[in-house]
Amino acid sequence: MAALWLFALIVAPLSLLIGVGAAAVGFTAWGILVPLCLDGFGMDVVHCVFLSSSVDVVNSALLSLWFLHRRRLNLFLVLAMGTPAMLSTVVVFLLFGRNFMDDYQMFFKGTTGFLVLIAAAAFWVKGFMDRRKRSLLASLDVQEGENDDEEGDGKRSWPDVFWGPSQLLLFSGRCQSSQATSARLAVLYLSIQHIVICEIVGAVSALLGMGGGTIFVLVLVIGFPHSIDIVDATGTSVCIMFMCMTSLWVCMVTTDQEVRDDLSNLLPEMSIAIASSVVGLLLGAWLLQRIPKSWLVFCIAAVITVVGSIATVQPLVLSTCT
């Protein structure tokens, strides 16, 4: 293991960027920390995943509290999507997790950076589509709908914290439309799709230790009917990420003797990564409140592009240096 000062010199600025990405779109520390610690510092793969998941647990916990305080999340969707994802994480880890990490270390060497760039491209496309929509509405002299319940400080009313898109209200019998039955079936079909996605993301979290927050944001912003506001989607996603990563962290500590034995030795590295990430988290949350809504998606896309580029280039640099 390299000297602690060298670890701090390299990891601290990268963890700062991880914190900004987490606040912006629920970015996981996995894409940067795991390949760096595995190839750059020669850490054991289980220790790399444990370090990354520890950062994700702290980041997602703090962000969940922050978004809940501002009422910019949806507890109904947190439970509906987070429960199957968490159960999948626990079951898959107990069945395959540790053996998979030992036998398939090639998957932990930064092969997912390009996926982050694909997510960034999706946000760029959404940003331009939203801008085109606003231009069209402006030309028709129509004001884009805003949330009437939002208070001056950016908080939402508590009912909005528990209910998501209006389509979900169809299940409560409040819709008297003649197309209510077909609408309910459509929402049920989409709900099944989202549960399947949650199960898959939970399994990936168990096998690789990824947080999956950005994937949940994409599902809510792009894949949900009448897509959810991106800030609400991020708040909802980090809560789901907290459920998955906390369950993974607990499973690793309770079932893996090696992790328990080496926990004290990992505390210095964990402290550096977590502290730097929390600083980035605070910076990202501060910026998130001050960016105009019309530019928010573009700014998030830019952050993901930078983080994804680093996650993509980093393994190439490490393979050249080692």
C-alpha atoms as a PDB file:
ATOM      1  CA  MET A   1       0.000   0.000   0.000  1.00  0.00           C
ATOM      2  CA  ALA A   2       1.331   3.426  -0.949  1.00  0.00           C
ATOM      3  CA  ALA A   3       2.119   6.059   1.644  1.00  0.00           C
ATOM      4  CA  LEU A   4      -0.912   7.714   3.175  1.00  0.00           C
ATOM      5  CA  TRP A   5       0.192  11.168   2.015  1.00  0.00           C
ATOM      6  CA  LEU A   6       0.296   9.974  -1.604  1.00  0.00           C
ATOM      7  CA  PHE A   7      -3.145   8.408  -1.224  1.00  0.00           C
ATOM      8  CA  ALA A   8      -4.495  11.686   0.155  1.00  0.00           C
ATOM      9  CA  LEU A   9      -2.833  13.721  -2.591  1.00  0.00           C
ATOM     10  CA  ILE A  10      -4.491  11.688  -5.349  1.00  0.00           C
ATOM     11  CA  VAL A  11      -7.780  10.597  -3.795  1.00  0.00           C
ATOM     12  CA  ALA A  12      -8.821  13.843  -2.067  1.00  0.00           C
ATOM     13  CA  PRO A  13      -9.427  15.924  -5.243  1.00  0.00           C
ATOM     14  CA  LEU A  14     -11.109  12.981  -6.985  1.00  0.00           C
ATOM     15  CA  SER A  15     -13.357  12.405  -3.963  1.00  0.00           C
ATOM     16  CA  LEU A  16     -14.234  16.099  -4.036  1.00  0.00           C
ATOM     17  CA  LEU A  17     -15.464  15.608  -7.595  1.00  0.00           C
ATOM     18  CA  ILE A  18     -17.351  12.477  -6.525  1.00  0.00           C
ATOM     19  CA  GLY A  19     -19.196  14.533  -3.913  1.00  0.00           C
ATOM     20  CA  VAL A  20     -20.210  17.155  -6.474  1.00  0.00           C
ATOM     21  CA  GLY A  21     -21.438  14.407  -8.805  1.00  0.00           C
ATOM     22  CA  ALA A  22     -23.375  12.736  -6.002  1.00  0.00           C
ATOM     23  CA  ALA A  23     -25.169  15.976  -5.131  1.00  0.00           C
ATOM     24  CA  ALA A  24     -25.934  16.648  -8.787  1.00  0.00           C
ATOM     25  CA  VAL A  25     -27.200  13.261  -9.905  1.00  0.00           C
ATOM     26  CA  GLY A  26     -26.503  10.594  -7.265  1.00  0.00           C
ATOM     27  CA  PHE A  27     -23.123   9.614  -8.733  1.00  0.00           C
ATOM     28  CA  THR A  28     -21.475   6.594  -7.107  1.00  0.00           C
ATOM     29  CA  ALA A  29     -17.874   6.602  -5.903  1.00  0.00           C
ATOM     30  CA  TRP A  30     -17.320   3.193  -7.507  1.00  0.00           C
ATOM     31  CA  GLY A  31     -16.392   4.391 -10.996  1.00  0.00           C
ATOM     32  CA  ILE A  32     -13.368   6.351  -9.763  1.00  0.00           C
ATOM     33  CA  LEU A  33     -12.288   4.891  -6.415  1.00  0.00           C
ATOM     34  CA  VAL A  34     -12.430   1.155  -7.142  1.00  0.00           C
ATOM     35  CA  PRO A  35     -10.200   1.117 -10.277  1.00  0.00           C
ATOM     36  CA  LEU A  36      -7.850   3.661  -8.703  1.00  0.00           C
ATOM     37  CA  CYS A  37      -7.414   1.742  -5.441  1.00  0.00           C
ATOM     38  CA  LEU A  38      -7.262  -1.642  -7.181  1.00  0.00           C
ATOM     39  CA  ASP A  39      -4.714  -0.834  -9.905  1.00  0.00           C
ATOM     40  CA  GLY A  40      -3.098   2.329  -8.588  1.00  0.00           C
ATOM     41  CA  PHE A  41      -2.618   1.425  -4.925  1.00  0.00           C
ATOM     42  CA  GLY A  42      -2.722  -2.365  -5.072  1.00  0.00           C
ATOM     43  CA  MET A  43      -5.548  -2.785  -2.599  1.00  0.00           C
ATOM     44  CA  ASP A  44      -7.558  -5.988  -2.377  1.00  0.00           C
ATOM     45  CA  VAL A  45     -10.731  -5.855  -4.469  1.00  0.00           C
ATOM     46  CA  VAL A  46     -12.976  -6.411  -1.437  1.00  0.00           C
ATOM     47  CA  HIS A  47     -11.284  -3.535   0.380  1.00  0.00           C
ATOM     48  CA  CYS A  48     -11.765  -1.321  -2.693  1.00  0.00           C
ATOM     49  CA  VAL A  49     -15.471  -2.107  -2.831  1.00  0.00           C
ATOM     50  CA  PHE A  50     -15.842  -1.601   0.917  1.00  0.00           C
ATOM     51  CA  LEU A  51     -14.100   1.781   0.704  1.00  0.00           C
ATOM     52  CA  SER A  52     -16.271   2.869  -2.211  1.00  0.00           C
ATOM     53  CA  SER A  53     -19.487   1.668  -0.571  1.00  0.00           C
ATOM     54  CA  SER A  54     -18.567   3.502   2.653  1.00  0.00           C
ATOM     55  CA  VAL A  55     -18.273   6.759   0.712  1.00  0.00           C
ATOM     56  CA  ASP A  56     -21.597   6.063  -1.012  1.00  0.00           C
ATOM     57  CA  VAL A  57     -23.347   5.305   2.287  1.00  0.00           C
ATOM     58  CA  VAL A  58     -22.229   8.578   3.863  1.00  0.00           C
ATOM     59  CA  ASN A  59     -22.946  10.643   0.736  1.00  0.00           C
ATOM     60  CA  SER A  60     -26.389   9.156   0.168  1.00  0.00           C
ATOM     61  CA  ALA A  61     -27.316   9.457   3.866  1.00  0.00           C
ATOM     62  CA  LEU A  62     -26.434  13.155   4.015  1.00  0.00           C
ATOM     63  CA  LEU A  63     -28.115  13.868   0.686  1.00  0.00           C
ATOM     64  CA  SER A  64     -31.259  11.977   1.714  1.00  0.00           C
ATOM     65  CA  LEU A  65     -31.562  14.141   4.821  1.00  0.00           C
ATOM     66  CA  TRP A  66     -30.940  17.300   2.795  1.00  0.00           C
ATOM     67  CA  PHE A  67     -33.487  16.467   0.103  1.00  0.00           C
ATOM     68  CA  LEU A  68     -36.013  15.337   2.728  1.00  0.00           C
ATOM     69  CA  HIS A  69     -35.559  18.622   4.601  1.00  0.00           C
ATOM     70  CA  ARG A  70     -36.295  20.479   1.383  1.00  0.00           C
ATOM     71  CA  ARG A  71     -39.065  17.982   0.521  1.00  0.00           C
ATOM     72  CA  ARG A  72     -37.510  17.373  -2.889  1.00  0.00           C
ATOM     73  CA  LEU A  73     -38.012  13.618  -3.047  1.00  0.00           C
ATOM     74  CA  ASN A  74     -40.838  11.121  -3.298  1.00  0.00           C
ATOM     75  CA  LEU A  75     -41.175   8.687  -0.407  1.00  0.00           C
ATOM     76  CA  PHE A  76     -43.761   6.603  -2.250  1.00  0.00           C
ATOM     77  CA  LEU A  77     -41.297   5.923  -5.060  1.00  0.00           C
ATOM     78  CA  VAL A  78     -38.448   5.455  -2.577  1.00  0.00           C
ATOM     79  CA  LEU A  79     -40.339   2.577  -0.984  1.00  0.00           C
ATOM     80  CA  ALA A  80     -41.779   1.224  -4.243  1.00  0.00           C
ATOM     81  CA  MET A  81     -38.419   1.166  -6.047  1.00  0.00           C
ATOM     82  CA  GLY A  82     -35.997   0.965  -3.128  1.00  0.00           C
ATOM     83  CA  THR A  83     -37.509  -2.104  -1.457  1.00  0.00           C
ATOM     84  CA  PRO A  84     -37.032  -4.515  -4.403  1.00  0.00           C
ATOM     85  CA  ALA A  85     -33.593  -3.028  -5.107  1.00  0.00           C
ATOM     86  CA  MET A  86     -32.501  -3.486  -1.485  1.00  0.00           C
ATOM     87  CA  LEU A  87     -33.843  -7.043  -1.290  1.00  0.00           C
ATOM     88  CA  SER A  88     -32.062  -7.900  -4.523  1.00  0.00           C
ATOM     89  CA  THR A  89     -28.820  -6.451  -3.152  1.00  0.00           C
ATOM     90  CA  VAL A  90     -28.979  -8.542   0.018  1.00  0.00           C
ATOM     91  CA  VAL A  91     -29.987 -11.814  -1.643  1.00  0.00           C
ATOM     92  CA  VAL A  92     -27.497 -11.602  -4.514  1.00  0.00           C
ATOM     93  CA  PHE A  93     -24.607 -10.645  -2.230  1.00  0.00           C
ATOM     94  CA  LEU A  94     -25.300 -13.492   0.186  1.00  0.00           C
ATOM     95  CA  LEU A  95     -25.462 -15.945  -2.720  1.00  0.00           C
ATOM     96  CA  PHE A  96     -22.678 -14.741  -5.023  1.00  0.00           C
ATOM     97  CA  GLY A  97     -21.142 -11.455  -3.867  1.00  0.00           C
ATOM     98  CA  ARG A  98     -17.782 -12.338  -2.315  1.00  0.00           C
ATOM     99  CA  ASN A  99     -17.009 -15.172  -4.746  1.00  0.00           C
ATOM    100  CA  PHE A 100     -17.838 -12.940  -7.698  1.00  0.00           C
ATOM    101  CA  MET A 101     -15.483 -10.221  -6.450  1.00  0.00           C
ATOM    102  CA  ASP A 102     -12.622 -12.695  -6.079  1.00  0.00           C
ATOM    103  CA  ASP A 103     -13.179 -14.538  -9.370  1.00  0.00           C
ATOM    104  CA  TYR A 104     -14.022 -11.677 -11.745  1.00  0.00           C
ATOM    105  CA  GLN A 105     -11.702  -8.826 -10.863  1.00  0.00           C
ATOM    106  CA  MET A 106     -11.573  -7.701 -14.497  1.00  0.00           C
ATOM    107  CA  PHE A 107     -15.013  -6.118 -13.982  1.00  0.00           C
ATOM    108  CA  PHE A 108     -13.570  -3.850 -11.294  1.00  0.00           C
ATOM    109  CA  LYS A 109     -10.912  -2.209 -13.444  1.00  0.00           C
ATOM    110  CA  GLY A 110     -12.946   0.740 -14.703  1.00  0.00           C
ATOM    111  CA  THR A 111     -14.895  -0.850 -17.538  1.00  0.00           C
ATOM    112  CA  THR A 112     -18.007   1.242 -16.828  1.00  0.00           C
ATOM    113  CA  GLY A 113     -16.720   4.746 -17.559  1.00  0.00           C
ATOM    114  CA  PHE A 114     -18.326   4.722 -20.971  1.00  0.00           C
ATOM    115  CA  LEU A 115     -21.702   3.950 -19.373  1.00  0.00           C
ATOM    116  CA  VAL A 116     -21.416   7.184 -17.406  1.00  0.00           C
ATOM    117  CA  LEU A 117     -20.731   9.030 -20.664  1.00  0.00           C
ATOM    118  CA  ILE A 118     -23.845   7.451 -22.184  1.00  0.00           C
ATOM    119  CA  ALA A 119     -25.833   8.737 -19.194  1.00  0.00           C
ATOM    120  CA  ALA A 120     -24.277  12.170 -19.739  1.00  0.00           C
ATOM    121  CA  ALA A 121     -25.357  12.079 -23.385  1.00  0.00           C
ATOM    122  CA  ALA A 122     -28.917  11.280 -22.272  1.00  0.00           C
ATOM    123  CA  PHE A 123     -28.943  14.344 -20.009  1.00  0.00           C
ATOM    124  CA  TRP A 124     -27.548  16.546 -22.802  1.00  0.00           C
ATOM    125  CA  VAL A 125     -30.354  15.344 -25.082  1.00  0.00           C
ATOM    126  CA  LYS A 126     -32.965  15.975 -22.390  1.00  0.00           C
ATOM    127  CA  GLY A 127     -31.574  19.460 -21.781  1.00  0.00           C
ATOM    128  CA  PHE A 128     -31.895  20.417 -25.443  1.00  0.00           C
ATOM    129  CA  MET A 129     -35.357  18.846 -25.669  1.00  0.00           C
ATOM    130  CA  ASP A 130     -36.504  20.804 -22.609  1.00  0.00           C
ATOM    131  CA  ARG A 131     -35.103  24.006 -24.105  1.00  0.00           C
ATOM    132  CA  ARG A 132     -36.928  23.329 -27.373  1.00  0.00           C
ATOM    133  CA  LYS A 133     -40.140  22.713 -25.420  1.00  0.00           C
ATOM    134  CA  ARG A 134     -39.753  26.009 -23.547  1.00  0.00           C
ATOM    135  CA  SER A 135     -39.122  27.851 -26.806  1.00  0.00           C
ATOM    136  CA  LEU A 136     -42.235  26.318 -28.344  1.00  0.00           C
ATOM    137  CA  LEU A 137     -44.361  27.235 -25.339  1.00  0.00           C
ATOM    138  CA  ALA A 138     -42.965  30.757 -25.390  1.00  0.00           C
ATOM    139  CA  SER A 139     -43.830  31.132 -29.066  1.00  0.00           C
ATOM    140  CA  LEU A 140     -47.376  30.029 -28.264  1.00  0.00           C
ATOM    141  CA  ASP A 141     -47.462  32.417 -25.285  1.00  0.00           C
ATOM    142  CA  VAL A 142     -48.055  29.501 -22.899  1.00  0.00           C
ATOM    143  CA  GLN A 143     -46.357  29.391 -19.506  1.00  0.00           C
ATOM    144  CA  GLU A 144     -44.719  26.100 -18.607  1.00  0.00           C
ATOM    145  CA  GLY A 145     -46.403  24.545 -15.578  1.00  0.00           C
ATOM    146  CA  GLU A 146     -44.707  25.034 -12.277  1.00  0.00           C
ATOM    147  CA  ASN A 147     -45.431  23.363  -8.976  1.00  0.00           C
ATOM    148  CA  ASP A 148     -47.972  25.531  -7.183  1.00  0.00           C
ATOM    149  CA  ASP A 149     -47.082  23.951  -3.860  1.00  0.00           C
ATOM    150  CA  GLU A 150     -43.438  24.962  -3.965  1.00  0.00           C
ATOM    151  CA  GLU A 151     -42.558  27.481  -1.306  1.00  0.00           C
ATOM    152  CA  GLY A 152     -40.268  30.448  -1.697  1.00  0.00           C
ATOM    153  CA  ASP A 153     -37.295  28.634  -0.210  1.00  0.00           C
ATOM    154  CA  GLY A 154     -37.532  25.800  -2.727  1.00  0.00           C
ATOM    155  CA  LYS A 155     -39.323  23.360  -0.410  1.00  0.00           C
ATOM    156  CA  ARG A 156     -42.302  21.296  -1.467  1.00  0.00           C
ATOM    157  CA  SER A 157     -45.544  20.639   0.371  1.00  0.00           C
ATOM    158  CA  TRP A 158     -45.596  17.364   2.266  1.00  0.00           C
ATOM    159  CA  PRO A 159     -48.272  15.668   0.080  1.00  0.00           C
ATOM    160  CA  ASP A 160     -45.874  15.945  -2.877  1.00  0.00           C
ATOM    161  CA  VAL A 161     -43.272  14.067  -0.866  1.00  0.00           C
ATOM    162  CA  PHE A 162     -45.556  11.040  -0.711  1.00  0.00           C
ATOM    163  CA  TRP A 163     -47.142  11.151  -4.179  1.00  0.00           C
ATOM    164  CA  GLY A 164     -45.315  11.174  -7.463  1.00  0.00           C
ATOM    165  CA  PRO A 165     -46.757  11.565 -10.955  1.00  0.00           C
ATOM    166  CA  SER A 166     -50.471  12.083 -11.214  1.00  0.00           C
ATOM    167  CA  GLN A 167     -50.759   8.706 -12.968  1.00  0.00           C
ATOM    168  CA  LEU A 168     -50.208   6.951  -9.641  1.00  0.00           C
ATOM    169  CA  LEU A 169     -53.438   8.458  -8.350  1.00  0.00           C
ATOM    170  CA  LEU A 170     -55.317   6.272 -10.833  1.00  0.00           C
ATOM    171  CA  PHE A 171     -54.888   3.364  -8.438  1.00  0.00           C
ATOM    172  CA  SER A 172     -56.745   5.242  -5.713  1.00  0.00           C
ATOM    173  CA  GLY A 173     -59.922   5.431  -7.789  1.00  0.00           C
ATOM    174  CA  ARG A 174     -59.853   9.221  -8.128  1.00  0.00           C
ATOM    175  CA  CYS A 175     -59.851   9.074 -11.910  1.00  0.00           C
ATOM    176  CA  GLN A 176     -63.325   8.797 -13.411  1.00  0.00           C
ATOM    177  CA  SER A 177     -62.216   8.882 -17.029  1.00  0.00           C
ATOM    178  CA  SER A 178     -63.572   6.309 -19.453  1.00  0.00           C
ATOM    179  CA  GLN A 179     -59.960   5.426 -20.188  1.00  0.00           C
ATOM    180  CA  ALA A 180     -59.147   4.818 -16.519  1.00  0.00           C
ATOM    181  CA  THR A 181     -58.813   1.048 -16.948  1.00  0.00           C
ATOM    182  CA  SER A 182     -56.345   1.262 -19.819  1.00  0.00           C
ATOM    183  CA  ALA A 183     -54.476   3.997 -17.975  1.00  0.00           C
ATOM    184  CA  ARG A 184     -54.186   1.795 -14.872  1.00  0.00           C
ATOM    185  CA  LEU A 185     -52.877  -1.072 -17.002  1.00  0.00           C
ATOM    186  CA  ALA A 186     -50.318   1.224 -18.599  1.00  0.00           C
ATOM    187  CA  VAL A 187     -49.094   2.423 -15.217  1.00  0.00           C
ATOM    188  CA  LEU A 188     -49.016  -1.170 -13.929  1.00  0.00           C
ATOM    189  CA  TYR A 189     -46.930  -2.210 -16.937  1.00  0.00           C
ATOM    190  CA  LEU A 190     -44.499   0.637 -16.347  1.00  0.00           C
ATOM    191  CA  SER A 191     -44.359  -0.207 -12.639  1.00  0.00           C
ATOM    192  CA  ILE A 192     -43.394  -3.800 -13.445  1.00  0.00           C
ATOM    193  CA  GLN A 193     -40.679  -2.496 -15.755  1.00  0.00           C
ATOM    194  CA  HIS A 194     -39.316  -0.270 -13.012  1.00  0.00           C
ATOM    195  CA  ILE A 195     -39.339  -3.108 -10.476  1.00  0.00           C
ATOM    196  CA  VAL A 196     -37.348  -5.262 -12.882  1.00  0.00           C
ATOM    197  CA  ILE A 197     -34.863  -2.416 -13.374  1.00  0.00           C
ATOM    198  CA  CYS A 198     -34.592  -2.001  -9.597  1.00  0.00           C
ATOM    199  CA  GLU A 199     -33.920  -5.715  -9.166  1.00  0.00           C
ATOM    200  CA  ILE A 200     -31.176  -5.581 -11.799  1.00  0.00           C
ATOM    201  CA  VAL A 201     -29.556  -2.473 -10.285  1.00  0.00           C
ATOM    202  CA  GLY A 202     -29.734  -4.075  -6.836  1.00  0.00           C
ATOM    203  CA  ALA A 203     -28.009  -7.189  -8.165  1.00  0.00           C
ATOM    204  CA  VAL A 204     -25.277  -5.081  -9.774  1.00  0.00           C
ATOM    205  CA  SER A 205     -24.832  -3.233  -6.475  1.00  0.00           C
ATOM    206  CA  ALA A 206     -24.325  -6.556  -4.717  1.00  0.00           C
ATOM    207  CA  LEU A 207     -21.873  -7.971  -7.263  1.00  0.00           C
ATOM    208  CA  LEU A 208     -19.816  -4.859  -8.030  1.00  0.00           C
ATOM    209  CA  GLY A 209     -20.601  -2.431  -5.210  1.00  0.00           C
ATOM    210  CA  MET A 210     -22.026   0.301  -7.479  1.00  0.00           C
ATOM    211  CA  GLY A 211     -24.486   2.765  -6.009  1.00  0.00           C
ATOM    212  CA  GLY A 212     -26.699   3.022  -9.078  1.00  0.00           C
ATOM    213  CA  GLY A 213     -28.041   6.482  -8.206  1.00  0.00           C
ATOM    214  CA  THR A 214     -27.525   7.904 -11.696  1.00  0.00           C
ATOM    215  CA  ILE A 215     -29.436   4.992 -13.236  1.00  0.00           C
ATOM    216  CA  PHE A 216     -32.414   5.656 -10.973  1.00  0.00           C
ATOM    217  CA  VAL A 217     -32.333   9.349 -11.910  1.00  0.00           C
ATOM    218  CA  LEU A 218     -32.450   8.435 -15.611  1.00  0.00           C
ATOM    219  CA  VAL A 219     -35.347   6.038 -15.011  1.00  0.00           C
ATOM    220  CA  LEU A 220     -37.343   8.693 -13.173  1.00  0.00           C
ATOM    221  CA  VAL A 221     -36.499  11.620 -15.450  1.00  0.00           C
ATOM    222  CA  ILE A 222     -36.685   9.893 -18.829  1.00  0.00           C
ATOM    223  CA  GLY A 223     -38.430   6.561 -18.341  1.00  0.00           C
ATOM    224  CA  PHE A 224     -41.342   7.702 -16.181  1.00  0.00           C
ATOM    225  CA  PRO A 225     -44.572   9.000 -17.726  1.00  0.00           C
ATOM    226  CA  HIS A 226     -44.665  12.790 -17.448  1.00  0.00           C
ATOM    227  CA  SER A 227     -41.117  12.693 -16.122  1.00  0.00           C
ATOM    228  CA  ILE A 228     -40.371  13.860 -12.607  1.00  0.00           C
ATOM    229  CA  ASP A 229     -38.487  17.083 -11.966  1.00  0.00           C
ATOM    230  CA  ILE A 230     -34.759  16.317 -12.012  1.00  0.00           C
ATOM    231  CA  VAL A 231     -34.180  17.638  -8.482  1.00  0.00           C
ATOM    232  CA  ASP A 232     -36.971  15.438  -7.121  1.00  0.00           C
ATOM    233  CA  ALA A 233     -35.587  12.515  -9.138  1.00  0.00           C
ATOM    234  CA  THR A 234     -32.127  13.013  -7.648  1.00  0.00           C
ATOM    235  CA  GLY A 235     -33.544  13.212  -4.111  1.00  0.00           C
ATOM    236  CA  THR A 236     -35.553  10.040  -4.658  1.00  0.00           C
ATOM    237  CA  SER A 237     -32.591   8.248  -6.234  1.00  0.00           C
ATOM    238  CA  VAL A 238     -30.109   9.003  -3.452  1.00  0.00           C
ATOM    239  CA  CYS A 239     -32.583   7.586  -0.924  1.00  0.00           C
ATOM    240  CA  ILE A 240     -32.817   4.361  -2.962  1.00  0.00           C
ATOM    241  CA  MET A 241     -29.041   4.370  -3.252  1.00  0.00           C
ATOM    242  CA  PHE A 242     -28.772   4.713   0.528  1.00  0.00           C
ATOM    243  CA  MET A 243     -30.999   1.669   1.018  1.00  0.00           C
ATOM    244  CA  CYS A 244     -28.950  -0.456  -1.389  1.00  0.00           C
ATOM    245  CA  MET A 245     -25.488   0.621  -0.268  1.00  0.00           C
ATOM    246  CA  THR A 246     -26.282   0.455   3.443  1.00  0.00           C
ATOM    247  CA  SER A 247     -27.599  -3.081   3.056  1.00  0.00           C
ATOM    248  CA  LEU A 248     -24.455  -4.008   1.080  1.00  0.00           C
ATOM    249  CA  TRP A 249     -22.186  -2.393   3.700  1.00  0.00           C
ATOM    250  CA  VAL A 250     -23.927  -4.239   6.541  1.00  0.00           C
ATOM    251  CA  CYS A 251     -23.740  -7.533   4.648  1.00  0.00           C
ATOM    252  CA  MET A 252     -20.011  -7.087   4.037  1.00  0.00           C
ATOM    253  CA  VAL A 253     -19.297  -6.290   7.679  1.00  0.00           C
ATOM    254  CA  THR A 254     -21.449  -9.057   9.149  1.00  0.00           C
ATOM    255  CA  THR A 255     -20.558 -11.877   6.745  1.00  0.00           C
ATOM    256  CA  ASP A 256     -16.939 -11.190   5.756  1.00  0.00           C
ATOM    257  CA  GLN A 257     -14.346 -11.862   8.457  1.00  0.00           C
ATOM    258  CA  GLU A 258     -11.593 -10.286   6.340  1.00  0.00           C
ATOM    259  CA  VAL A 259     -13.453  -6.975   6.173  1.00  0.00           C
ATOM    260  CA  ARG A 260     -14.000  -6.953   9.938  1.00  0.00           C
ATOM    261  CA  ASP A 261     -10.348  -7.757  10.621  1.00  0.00           C
ATOM    262  CA  ASP A 262      -9.033  -5.040   8.297  1.00  0.00           C
ATOM    263  CA  LEU A 263     -11.614  -2.383   9.148  1.00  0.00           C
ATOM    264  CA  SER A 264      -9.290  -0.509  11.491  1.00  0.00           C
ATOM    265  CA  ASN A 265      -6.507  -0.542   8.884  1.00  0.00           C
ATOM    266  CA  LEU A 266      -8.834   0.994   6.309  1.00  0.00           C
ATOM    267  CA  LEU A 267     -10.016   3.818   8.562  1.00  0.00           C
ATOM    268  CA  PRO A 268      -7.346   6.359   7.439  1.00  0.00           C
ATOM    269  CA  GLU A 269      -8.130   5.840   3.753  1.00  0.00           C
ATOM    270  CA  MET A 270     -11.866   5.847   4.440  1.00  0.00           C
ATOM    271  CA  SER A 271     -11.580   9.075   6.431  1.00  0.00           C
ATOM    272  CA  ILE A 272      -9.704  10.851   3.626  1.00  0.00           C
ATOM    273  CA  ALA A 273     -12.116   9.714   0.909  1.00  0.00           C
ATOM    274  CA  ILE A 274     -15.262  10.410   2.944  1.00  0.00           C
ATOM    275  CA  ALA A 275     -14.154  13.815   4.244  1.00  0.00           C
ATOM    276  CA  SER A 276     -13.148  15.038   0.771  1.00  0.00           C
ATOM    277  CA  SER A 277     -16.356  13.686  -0.731  1.00  0.00           C
ATOM    278  CA  VAL A 278     -18.496  15.420   1.894  1.00  0.00           C
ATOM    279  CA  VAL A 279     -16.820  18.741   1.056  1.00  0.00           C
ATOM    280  CA  GLY A 280     -17.716  18.167  -2.601  1.00  0.00           C
ATOM    281  CA  LEU A 281     -21.208  17.197  -1.501  1.00  0.00           C
ATOM    282  CA  LEU A 282     -21.696  20.504   0.295  1.00  0.00           C
ATOM    283  CA  LEU A 283     -20.325  22.379  -2.702  1.00  0.00           C
ATOM    284  CA  GLY A 284     -22.640  20.535  -5.074  1.00  0.00           C
ATOM    285  CA  ALA A 285     -25.692  21.091  -2.864  1.00  0.00           C
ATOM    286  CA  TRP A 286     -24.847  24.784  -2.590  1.00  0.00           C
ATOM    287  CA  LEU A 287     -24.529  25.119  -6.365  1.00  0.00           C
ATOM    288  CA  LEU A 288     -27.696  23.110  -6.953  1.00  0.00           C
ATOM    289  CA  GLN A 289     -29.776  25.763  -5.192  1.00  0.00           C
ATOM    290  CA  ARG A 290     -28.317  28.636  -7.229  1.00  0.00           C
ATOM    291  CA  ILE A 291     -28.398  27.320 -10.776  1.00  0.00           C
ATOM    292  CA  PRO A 292     -31.417  28.545 -12.795  1.00  0.00           C
ATOM    293  CA  LYS A 293     -33.864  25.770 -13.616  1.00  0.00           C
ATOM    294  CA  SER A 294     -33.410  26.306 -17.342  1.00  0.00           C
ATOM    295  CA  TRP A 295     -29.693  25.517 -17.015  1.00  0.00           C
ATOM    296  CA  LEU A 296     -29.869  22.805 -14.351  1.00  0.00           C
ATOM    297  CA  VAL A 297     -29.985  19.797 -16.692  1.00  0.00           C
ATOM    298  CA  PHE A 298     -27.091  21.176 -18.759  1.00  0.00           C
ATOM    299  CA  CYS A 299     -24.991  21.717 -15.629  1.00  0.00           C
ATOM    300  CA  ILE A 300     -25.727  18.192 -14.422  1.00  0.00           C
ATOM    301  CA  ALA A 301     -24.840  16.835 -17.872  1.00  0.00           C
ATOM    302  CA  ALA A 302     -21.550  18.738 -17.737  1.00  0.00           C
ATOM    303  CA  VAL A 303     -20.696  17.317 -14.303  1.00  0.00           C
ATOM    304  CA  ILE A 304     -21.466  13.764 -15.456  1.00  0.00           C
ATOM    305  CA  THR A 305     -19.383  14.294 -18.605  1.00  0.00           C
ATOM    306  CA  VAL A 306     -16.356  15.368 -16.571  1.00  0.00           C
ATOM    307  CA  VAL A 307     -16.727  12.523 -14.061  1.00  0.00           C
ATOM    308  CA  GLY A 308     -17.359   9.981 -16.817  1.00  0.00           C
ATOM    309  CA  SER A 309     -14.330  11.173 -18.771  1.00  0.00           C
ATOM    310  CA  ILE A 310     -12.117  10.759 -15.695  1.00  0.00           C
ATOM    311  CA  ALA A 311     -13.590   7.308 -15.000  1.00  0.00           C
ATOM    312  CA  THR A 312     -12.911   6.320 -18.627  1.00  0.00           C
ATOM    313  CA  VAL A 313      -9.388   7.716 -18.948  1.00  0.00           C
ATOM    314  CA  GLN A 314      -8.195   6.719 -15.472  1.00  0.00           C
ATOM    315  CA  PRO A 315      -7.922   2.930 -16.162  1.00  0.00           C
ATOM    316  CA  LEU A 316      -5.934   3.629 -19.339  1.00  0.00           C
ATOM    317  CA  VAL A 317      -3.495   5.794 -17.386  1.00  0.00           C
ATOM    318  CA  LEU A 318      -3.196   3.210 -14.621  1.00  0.00           C
ATOM    319  CA  SER A 319      -2.586   0.363 -17.089  1.00  0.00           C
ATOM    320  CA  THR A 320       0.165   2.414 -18.728  1.00  0.00           C
ATOM    321  CA  CYS A 321       1.857   3.245 -15.430  1.00  0.00           C
ATOM    322  CA  THR A 322       1.679  -0.270 -13.984  1.00  0.00           C
END
